[in-house]
Amino acid sequence: MMKGKGINAASPHIIQVAGYKNTGKTTMTAALIAGLAAKGLQVAAIKHDGHDHFEMDQEGTDSYQFGKAGAAAVAVMSSHRTAVVKQQHTRLEDMLKEFCQYDWVVIEGFKDAAYPKLVMVRHANDLALVNQLQSVVGVVFWSPELLEEAERRGDKSFTSFLFNDKQTIVDAVVQLNRPAGKEPGTMQTFNKVDDNI
């Protein structure tokens, strides 16, 4: 098993990073992965590609050639890495089952899923997304001015962070400490300090 220290072994903990295009989702996802891994936790990542034009393998490689030849799934394995490309739709819940041995799964995208979310706010109009999504546990603002604008609007139903304060965000996410399949974390659990982690 890959379980890290201080984490419930029953299932991975999940955090989503959601937001509109060019709001820093990938940067924040990478920061969460790095921060959680630095704490000795095993982390898996899932990214949603809304445009369906990604290609994991490169033209000219054997795996690319196998896929072009009609393989429905291609696996590439070495002594240190395994990559699988399947030519099929996979539900988020099914992919999470594939990652059940990890401590954390960081998901970029899949806005409609009901897992705890950090919503990225780069511009004032990005704030509309906060009220449209379920299970928002934190909002990451690109500037203090945007954060102040949100507070002036009177929306205090979420924990606020600044984009550049990534270590604080990682620490808060670890405190969320919510297993998959349970009720979404509350603001109280998100802000709770746990010295055992």
C-alpha atoms as a PDB file:
ATOM      1  CA  MET A   1       0.000   0.000   0.000  1.00  0.00           C
ATOM      2  CA  MET A   2       1.084   3.570  -0.660  1.00  0.00           C
ATOM      3  CA  LYS A   3      -0.603   5.186   2.299  1.00  0.00           C
ATOM      4  CA  GLY A   4       1.249   8.097   3.827  1.00  0.00           C
ATOM      5  CA  LYS A   5       1.402   9.160   7.434  1.00  0.00           C
ATOM      6  CA  GLY A   6      -1.679  10.294   9.338  1.00  0.00           C
ATOM      7  CA  ILE A   7      -4.199   9.685   6.556  1.00  0.00           C
ATOM      8  CA  ASN A   8      -7.306   7.494   6.635  1.00  0.00           C
ATOM      9  CA  ALA A   9      -6.424   4.317   4.730  1.00  0.00           C
ATOM     10  CA  ALA A  10     -10.023   3.648   3.599  1.00  0.00           C
ATOM     11  CA  SER A  11     -10.012   5.950   0.581  1.00  0.00           C
ATOM     12  CA  PRO A  12      -8.169   8.913  -0.860  1.00  0.00           C
ATOM     13  CA  HIS A  13      -8.919  12.481   0.077  1.00  0.00           C
ATOM     14  CA  ILE A  14     -10.059  14.612  -2.825  1.00  0.00           C
ATOM     15  CA  ILE A  15      -9.697  18.279  -3.694  1.00  0.00           C
ATOM     16  CA  GLN A  16     -10.797  19.866  -6.957  1.00  0.00           C
ATOM     17  CA  VAL A  17      -9.438  23.000  -8.595  1.00  0.00           C
ATOM     18  CA  ALA A  18     -12.138  24.654 -10.679  1.00  0.00           C
ATOM     19  CA  GLY A  19     -12.357  27.862 -12.628  1.00  0.00           C
ATOM     20  CA  TYR A  20     -12.698  29.436 -16.011  1.00  0.00           C
ATOM     21  CA  LYS A  21      -9.976  29.269 -18.670  1.00  0.00           C
ATOM     22  CA  ASN A  22      -6.688  31.045 -17.849  1.00  0.00           C
ATOM     23  CA  THR A  23      -7.408  31.442 -14.138  1.00  0.00           C
ATOM     24  CA  GLY A  24      -4.379  29.457 -12.958  1.00  0.00           C
ATOM     25  CA  LYS A  25      -5.994  26.051 -12.458  1.00  0.00           C
ATOM     26  CA  THR A  26      -2.988  24.087 -13.691  1.00  0.00           C
ATOM     27  CA  THR A  27      -0.540  26.162 -11.660  1.00  0.00           C
ATOM     28  CA  MET A  28      -2.628  25.698  -8.518  1.00  0.00           C
ATOM     29  CA  THR A  29      -3.093  21.974  -9.191  1.00  0.00           C
ATOM     30  CA  ALA A  30       0.680  21.537  -9.546  1.00  0.00           C
ATOM     31  CA  ALA A  31       1.271  23.538  -6.345  1.00  0.00           C
ATOM     32  CA  LEU A  32      -1.172  21.330  -4.428  1.00  0.00           C
ATOM     33  CA  ILE A  33       0.464  18.178  -5.764  1.00  0.00           C
ATOM     34  CA  ALA A  34       3.938  19.439  -4.825  1.00  0.00           C
ATOM     35  CA  GLY A  35       2.826  20.626  -1.389  1.00  0.00           C
ATOM     36  CA  LEU A  36       1.036  17.393  -0.508  1.00  0.00           C
ATOM     37  CA  ALA A  37       3.910  15.260  -1.834  1.00  0.00           C
ATOM     38  CA  ALA A  38       6.363  17.321   0.244  1.00  0.00           C
ATOM     39  CA  LYS A  39       4.420  16.203   3.325  1.00  0.00           C
ATOM     40  CA  GLY A  40       5.210  12.580   2.442  1.00  0.00           C
ATOM     41  CA  LEU A  41       1.773  11.858   0.974  1.00  0.00           C
ATOM     42  CA  GLN A  42       1.130   9.846  -2.181  1.00  0.00           C
ATOM     43  CA  VAL A  43      -0.777  12.035  -4.636  1.00  0.00           C
ATOM     44  CA  ALA A  44      -2.579  11.212  -7.886  1.00  0.00           C
ATOM     45  CA  ALA A  45      -3.881  13.804 -10.335  1.00  0.00           C
ATOM     46  CA  ILE A  46      -6.814  13.868 -12.726  1.00  0.00           C
ATOM     47  CA  LYS A  47      -7.272  16.607 -15.312  1.00  0.00           C
ATOM     48  CA  HIS A  48     -10.369  17.249 -17.385  1.00  0.00           C
ATOM     49  CA  ASP A  49      -9.776  18.234 -21.009  1.00  0.00           C
ATOM     50  CA  GLY A  50     -12.929  19.958 -22.179  1.00  0.00           C
ATOM     51  CA  HIS A  51     -11.660  20.271 -25.737  1.00  0.00           C
ATOM     52  CA  ASP A  52     -10.806  16.569 -26.221  1.00  0.00           C
ATOM     53  CA  HIS A  53      -7.681  17.326 -28.229  1.00  0.00           C
ATOM     54  CA  PHE A  54      -4.918  16.231 -25.880  1.00  0.00           C
ATOM     55  CA  GLU A  55      -2.372  13.627 -26.901  1.00  0.00           C
ATOM     56  CA  MET A  56      -0.293  12.006 -24.163  1.00  0.00           C
ATOM     57  CA  ASP A  57       2.091  10.231 -26.504  1.00  0.00           C
ATOM     58  CA  GLN A  58       4.040  11.967 -29.231  1.00  0.00           C
ATOM     59  CA  GLU A  59       3.920  11.371 -32.955  1.00  0.00           C
ATOM     60  CA  GLY A  60       6.657   8.975 -33.985  1.00  0.00           C
ATOM     61  CA  THR A  61       6.633   6.936 -30.769  1.00  0.00           C
ATOM     62  CA  ASP A  62       5.576   3.292 -30.659  1.00  0.00           C
ATOM     63  CA  SER A  63       2.612   4.080 -28.402  1.00  0.00           C
ATOM     64  CA  TYR A  64       1.388   6.733 -30.839  1.00  0.00           C
ATOM     65  CA  GLN A  65       1.737   4.273 -33.715  1.00  0.00           C
ATOM     66  CA  PHE A  66      -0.218   1.586 -31.803  1.00  0.00           C
ATOM     67  CA  GLY A  67      -3.075   4.021 -31.119  1.00  0.00           C
ATOM     68  CA  LYS A  68      -3.169   5.161 -34.725  1.00  0.00           C
ATOM     69  CA  ALA A  69      -3.229   1.522 -35.804  1.00  0.00           C
ATOM     70  CA  GLY A  70      -6.470   1.050 -33.882  1.00  0.00           C
ATOM     71  CA  ALA A  71      -5.517  -0.106 -30.383  1.00  0.00           C
ATOM     72  CA  ALA A  72      -8.369   0.706 -27.980  1.00  0.00           C
ATOM     73  CA  ALA A  73      -5.876   0.961 -25.129  1.00  0.00           C
ATOM     74  CA  VAL A  74      -2.103   1.342 -25.050  1.00  0.00           C
ATOM     75  CA  ALA A  75       0.083   0.811 -21.982  1.00  0.00           C
ATOM     76  CA  VAL A  76       3.714   1.851 -21.767  1.00  0.00           C
ATOM     77  CA  MET A  77       5.620   0.452 -18.805  1.00  0.00           C
ATOM     78  CA  SER A  78       9.161   0.804 -17.544  1.00  0.00           C
ATOM     79  CA  SER A  79      10.841  -0.032 -14.269  1.00  0.00           C
ATOM     80  CA  HIS A  80       9.706   3.348 -12.866  1.00  0.00           C
ATOM     81  CA  ARG A  81       6.633   4.503 -14.801  1.00  0.00           C
ATOM     82  CA  THR A  82       3.364   3.257 -16.283  1.00  0.00           C
ATOM     83  CA  ALA A  83       1.150   5.195 -18.669  1.00  0.00           C
ATOM     84  CA  VAL A  84      -2.160   4.009 -20.078  1.00  0.00           C
ATOM     85  CA  VAL A  85      -4.103   5.680 -22.870  1.00  0.00           C
ATOM     86  CA  LYS A  86      -7.621   4.354 -23.513  1.00  0.00           C
ATOM     87  CA  GLN A  87      -9.713   5.373 -26.499  1.00  0.00           C
ATOM     88  CA  GLN A  88     -12.913   5.650 -24.451  1.00  0.00           C
ATOM     89  CA  HIS A  89     -14.799   7.943 -22.121  1.00  0.00           C
ATOM     90  CA  THR A  90     -14.170   7.230 -18.448  1.00  0.00           C
ATOM     91  CA  ARG A  91     -16.400   8.544 -15.684  1.00  0.00           C
ATOM     92  CA  LEU A  92     -14.658  10.529 -12.948  1.00  0.00           C
ATOM     93  CA  GLU A  93     -15.929   8.101 -10.297  1.00  0.00           C
ATOM     94  CA  ASP A  94     -14.392   5.156 -12.163  1.00  0.00           C
ATOM     95  CA  MET A  95     -11.036   6.903 -12.440  1.00  0.00           C
ATOM     96  CA  LEU A  96     -11.135   7.696  -8.722  1.00  0.00           C
ATOM     97  CA  LYS A  97     -11.556   3.956  -8.059  1.00  0.00           C
ATOM     98  CA  GLU A  98      -8.378   3.392 -10.083  1.00  0.00           C
ATOM     99  CA  PHE A  99      -6.569   5.754  -7.704  1.00  0.00           C
ATOM    100  CA  CYS A 100      -7.915   4.299  -4.458  1.00  0.00           C
ATOM    101  CA  GLN A 101      -4.449   3.419  -3.126  1.00  0.00           C
ATOM    102  CA  TYR A 102      -3.279   7.040  -2.991  1.00  0.00           C
ATOM    103  CA  ASP A 103      -3.591   9.415  -0.041  1.00  0.00           C
ATOM    104  CA  TRP A 104      -4.874  12.338  -2.111  1.00  0.00           C
ATOM    105  CA  VAL A 105      -6.349  12.875  -5.556  1.00  0.00           C
ATOM    106  CA  VAL A 106      -6.116  16.414  -6.918  1.00  0.00           C
ATOM    107  CA  ILE A 107      -8.650  17.018  -9.687  1.00  0.00           C
ATOM    108  CA  GLU A 108      -8.388  19.868 -12.165  1.00  0.00           C
ATOM    109  CA  GLY A 109     -11.740  20.660 -13.705  1.00  0.00           C
ATOM    110  CA  PHE A 110     -14.933  18.563 -13.609  1.00  0.00           C
ATOM    111  CA  LYS A 111     -16.819  21.582 -12.214  1.00  0.00           C
ATOM    112  CA  ASP A 112     -20.091  19.665 -11.844  1.00  0.00           C
ATOM    113  CA  ALA A 113     -18.639  16.992  -9.556  1.00  0.00           C
ATOM    114  CA  ALA A 114     -19.546  17.269  -5.872  1.00  0.00           C
ATOM    115  CA  TYR A 115     -16.091  17.035  -4.296  1.00  0.00           C
ATOM    116  CA  PRO A 116     -14.580  19.862  -2.216  1.00  0.00           C
ATOM    117  CA  LYS A 117     -13.443  22.638  -4.521  1.00  0.00           C
ATOM    118  CA  LEU A 118     -11.074  25.543  -4.671  1.00  0.00           C
ATOM    119  CA  VAL A 119     -12.427  28.050  -7.192  1.00  0.00           C
ATOM    120  CA  MET A 120      -9.944  30.242  -9.023  1.00  0.00           C
ATOM    121  CA  VAL A 121     -10.861  33.934  -9.363  1.00  0.00           C
ATOM    122  CA  ARG A 122      -8.608  35.997 -11.621  1.00  0.00           C
ATOM    123  CA  HIS A 123     -11.155  38.615 -12.721  1.00  0.00           C
ATOM    124  CA  ALA A 124     -14.270  40.047 -11.077  1.00  0.00           C
ATOM    125  CA  ASN A 125     -16.612  38.185 -13.432  1.00  0.00           C
ATOM    126  CA  ASP A 126     -15.064  34.874 -12.274  1.00  0.00           C
ATOM    127  CA  LEU A 127     -16.906  35.363  -8.969  1.00  0.00           C
ATOM    128  CA  ALA A 128     -20.160  34.245 -10.609  1.00  0.00           C
ATOM    129  CA  LEU A 129     -18.804  30.703 -10.746  1.00  0.00           C
ATOM    130  CA  VAL A 130     -18.465  30.547  -6.958  1.00  0.00           C
ATOM    131  CA  ASN A 131     -22.243  30.642  -6.491  1.00  0.00           C
ATOM    132  CA  GLN A 132     -22.913  28.219  -9.362  1.00  0.00           C
ATOM    133  CA  LEU A 133     -20.837  25.324  -8.036  1.00  0.00           C
ATOM    134  CA  GLN A 134     -21.474  22.940  -5.176  1.00  0.00           C
ATOM    135  CA  SER A 135     -19.009  21.986  -2.442  1.00  0.00           C
ATOM    136  CA  VAL A 136     -16.900  25.155  -2.675  1.00  0.00           C
ATOM    137  CA  VAL A 137     -14.598  25.158   0.355  1.00  0.00           C
ATOM    138  CA  GLY A 138     -12.234  27.916  -0.720  1.00  0.00           C
ATOM    139  CA  VAL A 139     -11.771  30.668  -3.265  1.00  0.00           C
ATOM    140  CA  VAL A 140      -8.332  31.615  -4.566  1.00  0.00           C
ATOM    141  CA  PHE A 141      -8.091  35.282  -5.571  1.00  0.00           C
ATOM    142  CA  TRP A 142      -5.362  36.638  -7.804  1.00  0.00           C
ATOM    143  CA  SER A 143      -5.283  39.992  -6.022  1.00  0.00           C
ATOM    144  CA  PRO A 144      -6.210  41.538  -2.674  1.00  0.00           C
ATOM    145  CA  GLU A 145      -8.493  43.919  -4.585  1.00  0.00           C
ATOM    146  CA  LEU A 146     -10.600  41.039  -5.921  1.00  0.00           C
ATOM    147  CA  LEU A 147     -10.812  39.528  -2.452  1.00  0.00           C
ATOM    148  CA  GLU A 148     -11.950  42.885  -1.034  1.00  0.00           C
ATOM    149  CA  GLU A 149     -14.546  43.222  -3.794  1.00  0.00           C
ATOM    150  CA  ALA A 150     -15.973  39.792  -2.913  1.00  0.00           C
ATOM    151  CA  GLU A 151     -16.128  40.775   0.754  1.00  0.00           C
ATOM    152  CA  ARG A 152     -17.900  44.038  -0.147  1.00  0.00           C
ATOM    153  CA  ARG A 153     -20.522  41.987  -1.976  1.00  0.00           C
ATOM    154  CA  GLY A 154     -21.138  40.260   1.337  1.00  0.00           C
ATOM    155  CA  ASP A 155     -20.216  36.729   0.280  1.00  0.00           C
ATOM    156  CA  LYS A 156     -18.449  35.209   3.259  1.00  0.00           C
ATOM    157  CA  SER A 157     -19.609  31.614   2.748  1.00  0.00           C
ATOM    158  CA  PHE A 158     -16.128  30.456   1.734  1.00  0.00           C
ATOM    159  CA  THR A 159     -12.543  30.641   2.930  1.00  0.00           C
ATOM    160  CA  SER A 160     -10.481  33.126   0.932  1.00  0.00           C
ATOM    161  CA  PHE A 161      -6.883  32.752  -0.197  1.00  0.00           C
ATOM    162  CA  LEU A 162      -4.489  34.768  -2.318  1.00  0.00           C
ATOM    163  CA  PHE A 163      -3.017  32.992  -5.342  1.00  0.00           C
ATOM    164  CA  ASN A 164       0.605  33.568  -4.321  1.00  0.00           C
ATOM    165  CA  ASP A 165       0.122  32.113  -0.831  1.00  0.00           C
ATOM    166  CA  LYS A 166       0.296  28.514  -2.032  1.00  0.00           C
ATOM    167  CA  GLN A 167       1.739  27.017   1.164  1.00  0.00           C
ATOM    168  CA  THR A 168      -1.198  28.356   3.202  1.00  0.00           C
ATOM    169  CA  ILE A 169      -3.570  26.849   0.642  1.00  0.00           C
ATOM    170  CA  VAL A 170      -1.823  23.455   0.830  1.00  0.00           C
ATOM    171  CA  ASP A 171      -1.918  23.510   4.642  1.00  0.00           C
ATOM    172  CA  ALA A 172      -5.647  24.360   4.601  1.00  0.00           C
ATOM    173  CA  VAL A 173      -6.383  21.585   2.115  1.00  0.00           C
ATOM    174  CA  VAL A 174      -4.595  19.052   4.320  1.00  0.00           C
ATOM    175  CA  GLN A 175      -6.803  20.182   7.203  1.00  0.00           C
ATOM    176  CA  LEU A 176      -9.865  19.463   5.105  1.00  0.00           C
ATOM    177  CA  ASN A 177      -8.934  15.786   5.514  1.00  0.00           C
ATOM    178  CA  ARG A 178     -12.176  14.421   4.010  1.00  0.00           C
ATOM    179  CA  PRO A 179     -12.374  10.879   2.615  1.00  0.00           C
ATOM    180  CA  ALA A 180     -13.937  10.343  -0.802  1.00  0.00           C
ATOM    181  CA  GLY A 181     -17.612   9.427  -0.850  1.00  0.00           C
ATOM    182  CA  LYS A 182     -18.471  11.285   2.353  1.00  0.00           C
ATOM    183  CA  GLU A 183     -20.320  14.557   2.739  1.00  0.00           C
ATOM    184  CA  PRO A 184     -18.362  17.556   1.444  1.00  0.00           C
ATOM    185  CA  GLY A 185     -16.162  19.260   3.984  1.00  0.00           C
ATOM    186  CA  THR A 186     -17.528  22.245   5.823  1.00  0.00           C
ATOM    187  CA  MET A 187     -15.813  25.543   6.406  1.00  0.00           C
ATOM    188  CA  GLN A 188     -15.226  24.503  10.005  1.00  0.00           C
ATOM    189  CA  THR A 189     -13.361  21.340   8.995  1.00  0.00           C
ATOM    190  CA  PHE A 190     -11.481  23.258   6.309  1.00  0.00           C
ATOM    191  CA  ASN A 191     -10.207  25.763   8.879  1.00  0.00           C
ATOM    192  CA  LYS A 192      -9.645  23.240  11.661  1.00  0.00           C
ATOM    193  CA  VAL A 193      -6.070  22.710  12.800  1.00  0.00           C
ATOM    194  CA  ASP A 194      -4.966  19.094  13.219  1.00  0.00           C
ATOM    195  CA  ASP A 195      -1.516  18.626  14.730  1.00  0.00           C
ATOM    196  CA  ASN A 196      -1.437  14.953  13.752  1.00  0.00           C
ATOM    197  CA  ILE A 197      -0.847  15.715  10.065  1.00  0.00           C
END
